[in-house]
C-alpha atoms as a PDB file:
ATOM      1  CA  MET A   1     -20.788  -4.754   4.300  1.00  0.00           C
ATOM      2  CA  THR A   2     -17.879  -3.727   6.500  1.00  0.00           C
ATOM      3  CA  THR A   3     -15.651  -0.702   6.119  1.00  0.00           C
ATOM      4  CA  ASP A   4     -13.186  -0.007   8.868  1.00  0.00           C
ATOM      5  CA  SER A   5     -15.143  -2.153  11.326  1.00  0.00           C
ATOM      6  CA  SER A   6     -13.981  -4.923  13.606  1.00  0.00           C
ATOM      7  CA  ILE A   7     -15.525  -7.608  11.358  1.00  0.00           C
ATOM      8  CA  PRO A   8     -13.409  -8.240   8.249  1.00  0.00           C
ATOM      9  CA  GLU A   9     -15.103  -8.451   4.845  1.00  0.00           C
ATOM     10  CA  SER A  10     -14.443 -11.277   2.384  1.00  0.00           C
ATOM     11  CA  ASP A  11     -16.995 -10.693  -0.401  1.00  0.00           C
ATOM     12  CA  LEU A  12     -14.960  -9.426  -3.376  1.00  0.00           C
ATOM     13  CA  ASN A  13     -17.693  -7.205  -4.827  1.00  0.00           C
ATOM     14  CA  ILE A  14     -18.196  -5.491  -1.480  1.00  0.00           C
ATOM     15  CA  LEU A  15     -14.431  -5.153  -0.979  1.00  0.00           C
ATOM     16  CA  ILE A  16     -13.984  -3.477  -4.359  1.00  0.00           C
ATOM     17  CA  ARG A  17     -16.925  -1.094  -3.905  1.00  0.00           C
ATOM     18  CA  SER A  18     -15.835  -0.266  -0.350  1.00  0.00           C
ATOM     19  CA  MET A  19     -12.052  -0.056  -0.666  1.00  0.00           C
ATOM     20  CA  ALA A  20     -12.074   3.718   0.009  1.00  0.00           C
ATOM     21  CA  PRO A  21      -8.457   4.433  -0.982  1.00  0.00           C
ATOM     22  CA  VAL A  22      -6.771   7.336   0.825  1.00  0.00           C
ATOM     23  CA  ILE A  23      -3.350   8.872   0.222  1.00  0.00           C
ATOM     24  CA  ARG A  24      -1.091   8.998   3.261  1.00  0.00           C
ATOM     25  CA  ASP A  25       0.900  12.239   3.185  1.00  0.00           C
ATOM     26  CA  GLY A  26       4.627  12.002   2.550  1.00  0.00           C
ATOM     27  CA  GLU A  27       7.275  10.212   0.559  1.00  0.00           C
ATOM     28  CA  TYR A  28       8.325   6.671   1.509  1.00  0.00           C
ATOM     29  CA  VAL A  29      11.288   4.464   0.667  1.00  0.00           C
ATOM     30  CA  PHE A  30      12.421   0.874   1.066  1.00  0.00           C
ATOM     31  CA  VAL A  31      15.761   0.486   2.845  1.00  0.00           C
ATOM     32  CA  ASP A  32      17.905  -2.501   3.753  1.00  0.00           C
ATOM     33  CA  GLY A  33      18.407  -3.270   7.433  1.00  0.00           C
ATOM     34  CA  GLU A  34      16.486  -2.333  10.535  1.00  0.00           C
ATOM     35  CA  GLY A  35      16.370   1.413   9.801  1.00  0.00           C
ATOM     36  CA  THR A  36      18.160   2.126  13.086  1.00  0.00           C
ATOM     37  CA  GLY A  37      17.318   5.596  14.296  1.00  0.00           C
ATOM     38  CA  GLY A  38      14.341   6.081  12.007  1.00  0.00           C
ATOM     39  CA  GLU A  39      10.711   5.167  12.391  1.00  0.00           C
ATOM     40  CA  VAL A  40      10.129   1.846  10.638  1.00  0.00           C
ATOM     41  CA  LEU A  41       6.587   1.863   9.249  1.00  0.00           C
ATOM     42  CA  ALA A  42       6.676  -1.664   7.813  1.00  0.00           C
ATOM     43  CA  MET A  43       9.234  -4.442   7.736  1.00  0.00           C
ATOM     44  CA  VAL A  44       9.632  -7.791   6.022  1.00  0.00           C
ATOM     45  CA  ARG A  45      12.338 -10.216   7.092  1.00  0.00           C
ATOM     46  CA  GLU A  46      13.796 -11.836   3.976  1.00  0.00           C
ATOM     47  CA  PRO A  47      16.663 -14.345   3.730  1.00  0.00           C
ATOM     48  CA  GLU A  48      18.858 -11.467   2.509  1.00  0.00           C
ATOM     49  CA  GLY A  49      17.988  -9.419   5.595  1.00  0.00           C
ATOM     50  CA  PRO A  50      15.205  -7.053   6.662  1.00  0.00           C
ATOM     51  CA  SER A  51      13.572  -4.669   4.190  1.00  0.00           C
ATOM     52  CA  CYS A  52      12.035  -1.651   5.877  1.00  0.00           C
ATOM     53  CA  VAL A  53       9.690   1.080   4.720  1.00  0.00           C
ATOM     54  CA  MET A  54      10.275   4.481   6.262  1.00  0.00           C
ATOM     55  CA  SER A  55       9.796   8.101   5.382  1.00  0.00           C
ATOM     56  CA  ARG A  56      12.210   9.476   2.840  1.00  0.00           C
ATOM     57  CA  ALA A  57      13.067  12.252   5.307  1.00  0.00           C
ATOM     58  CA  ASP A  58      14.188   9.691   7.926  1.00  0.00           C
ATOM     59  CA  ALA A  59      16.223   7.739   5.362  1.00  0.00           C
ATOM     60  CA  ASP A  60      17.909  10.941   4.136  1.00  0.00           C
ATOM     61  CA  ARG A  61      18.622  12.093   7.700  1.00  0.00           C
ATOM     62  CA  LEU A  62      20.252   8.717   8.442  1.00  0.00           C
ATOM     63  CA  GLY A  63      22.168   8.581   5.159  1.00  0.00           C
ATOM     64  CA  LEU A  64      20.410   5.365   4.093  1.00  0.00           C
ATOM     65  CA  SER A  65      20.353   4.459   0.429  1.00  0.00           C
ATOM     66  CA  TYR A  66      17.211   3.712  -1.565  1.00  0.00           C
ATOM     67  CA  ASP A  67      16.279   3.518  -5.214  1.00  0.00           C
ATOM     68  CA  PHE A  68      12.502   3.970  -5.184  1.00  0.00           C
ATOM     69  CA  VAL A  69      10.455   6.852  -3.782  1.00  0.00           C
ATOM     70  CA  ALA A  70       6.839   5.930  -3.184  1.00  0.00           C
ATOM     71  CA  GLY A  71       3.521   7.420  -2.342  1.00  0.00           C
ATOM     72  CA  TRP A  72       1.420   5.429   0.130  1.00  0.00           C
ATOM     73  CA  ILE A  73      -2.248   4.626  -0.439  1.00  0.00           C
ATOM     74  CA  THR A  74      -4.279   2.797   2.202  1.00  0.00           C
ATOM     75  CA  LEU A  75      -7.439   0.902   1.321  1.00  0.00           C
ATOM     76  CA  HIS A  76      -9.791   1.702   4.187  1.00  0.00           C
ATOM     77  CA  VAL A  77     -11.885  -1.419   3.883  1.00  0.00           C
ATOM     78  CA  HIS A  78     -11.233  -4.064   6.540  1.00  0.00           C
ATOM     79  CA  SER A  79     -10.489  -7.015   4.285  1.00  0.00           C
ATOM     80  CA  ALA A  80     -10.390 -10.520   5.688  1.00  0.00           C
ATOM     81  CA  LEU A  81      -6.954 -12.087   5.489  1.00  0.00           C
ATOM     82  CA  HIS A  82      -8.515 -15.025   3.639  1.00  0.00           C
ATOM     83  CA  ALA A  83     -10.392 -12.827   1.128  1.00  0.00           C
ATOM     84  CA  VAL A  84      -9.694 -13.689  -2.495  1.00  0.00           C
ATOM     85  CA  GLY A  85      -9.275 -11.193  -5.332  1.00  0.00           C
ATOM     86  CA  LEU A  86      -8.825  -7.696  -3.883  1.00  0.00           C
ATOM     87  CA  THR A  87      -5.082  -7.600  -4.479  1.00  0.00           C
ATOM     88  CA  ALA A  88      -5.588  -8.997  -7.985  1.00  0.00           C
ATOM     89  CA  HIS A  89      -8.242  -6.357  -8.728  1.00  0.00           C
ATOM     90  CA  VAL A  90      -5.989  -3.531  -7.523  1.00  0.00           C
ATOM     91  CA  ALA A  91      -2.946  -4.880  -9.386  1.00  0.00           C
ATOM     92  CA  THR A  92      -4.951  -5.318 -12.594  1.00  0.00           C
ATOM     93  CA  ALA A  93      -6.401  -1.801 -12.468  1.00  0.00           C
ATOM     94  CA  LEU A  94      -3.035  -0.179 -11.752  1.00  0.00           C
ATOM     95  CA  SER A  95      -1.216  -2.361 -14.285  1.00  0.00           C
ATOM     96  CA  ALA A  96      -3.683  -1.368 -17.009  1.00  0.00           C
ATOM     97  CA  ALA A  97      -2.793   2.261 -16.208  1.00  0.00           C
ATOM     98  CA  GLY A  98       0.944   1.493 -16.324  1.00  0.00           C
ATOM     99  CA  ILE A  99       1.453   2.101 -12.590  1.00  0.00           C
ATOM    100  CA  SER A 100       3.656  -0.215 -10.542  1.00  0.00           C
ATOM    101  CA  CYS A 101       2.487  -1.197  -7.089  1.00  0.00           C
ATOM    102  CA  ASN A 102       4.020  -2.843  -4.039  1.00  0.00           C
ATOM    103  CA  VAL A 103       1.396  -4.207  -1.653  1.00  0.00           C
ATOM    104  CA  ILE A 104       1.780  -4.593   2.103  1.00  0.00           C
ATOM    105  CA  ALA A 105      -1.120  -6.370   3.745  1.00  0.00           C
ATOM    106  CA  GLY A 106      -1.817  -5.580   7.357  1.00  0.00           C
ATOM    107  CA  LYS A 107      -4.360  -7.302   9.559  1.00  0.00           C
ATOM    108  CA  HIS A 108      -6.924  -4.539   8.995  1.00  0.00           C
ATOM    109  CA  HIS A 109      -5.995  -2.851   5.704  1.00  0.00           C
ATOM    110  CA  ASP A 110      -4.005  -3.207   2.516  1.00  0.00           C
ATOM    111  CA  HIS A 111      -1.345  -0.602   1.820  1.00  0.00           C
ATOM    112  CA  LEU A 112      -0.099   0.262  -1.656  1.00  0.00           C
ATOM    113  CA  LEU A 113       3.270   1.838  -2.371  1.00  0.00           C
ATOM    114  CA  VAL A 114       3.266   3.361  -5.843  1.00  0.00           C
ATOM    115  CA  PRO A 115       5.753   5.636  -7.623  1.00  0.00           C
ATOM    116  CA  TYR A 116       5.513   8.950  -5.799  1.00  0.00           C
ATOM    117  CA  ASP A 117       4.836  11.019  -8.911  1.00  0.00           C
ATOM    118  CA  GLU A 118       1.978   8.645  -9.837  1.00  0.00           C
ATOM    119  CA  THR A 119       0.232   8.670  -6.436  1.00  0.00           C
ATOM    120  CA  GLN A 120      -2.722  10.883  -7.367  1.00  0.00           C
ATOM    121  CA  ARG A 121      -3.231   9.098 -10.684  1.00  0.00           C
ATOM    122  CA  ALA A 122      -3.135   5.743  -8.870  1.00  0.00           C
ATOM    123  CA  LEU A 123      -5.788   6.993  -6.454  1.00  0.00           C
ATOM    124  CA  ASP A 124      -7.948   8.148  -9.367  1.00  0.00           C
ATOM    125  CA  VAL A 125      -7.598   4.725 -11.044  1.00  0.00           C
ATOM    126  CA  LEU A 126      -8.574   2.924  -7.838  1.00  0.00           C
ATOM    127  CA  VAL A 127     -11.595   5.153  -7.229  1.00  0.00           C
ATOM    128  CA  ALA A 128     -12.749   4.634 -10.826  1.00  0.00           C
ATOM    129  CA  SER A 129     -12.273   0.871 -10.542  1.00  0.00           C
ATOM    130  CA  SER A 130     -14.316   0.763  -7.341  1.00  0.00           C
ATOM    131  CA  THR A 131     -17.267   2.562  -8.891  1.00  0.00           C
ATOM    132  CA  ALA A 132     -17.157   0.540 -12.132  1.00  0.00           C
ATOM    133  CA  ASN A 133     -17.706  -2.711 -10.229  1.00  0.00           C
END
């Protein structure tokens, strides 16, 4: 079993039991463009242009528009990029609770952006789903 180690885990049962979700403090938003002047925490280049995730405070300071304020949950298990099922498990658990989720997969961890006012409930759902497995 690997949690936060240099060797990524691919066994789904171990991933679910070890996901160790943690809330990252703050409010986060998706903005169009490069987020010039603010700290870009994640970015995806789409045909329509870059979509960036940054703190709500940075977006407000820069006058950038957004329509979704998110809480950020990081799964602190080091999942292999080829692992099958962790995202589906998380999406299923949150969907059953009526919580939307945007997933950003990094090389070491998966990051979940959920409606800000549902962040704690989302964490509770994920913890319960990891112990029920």
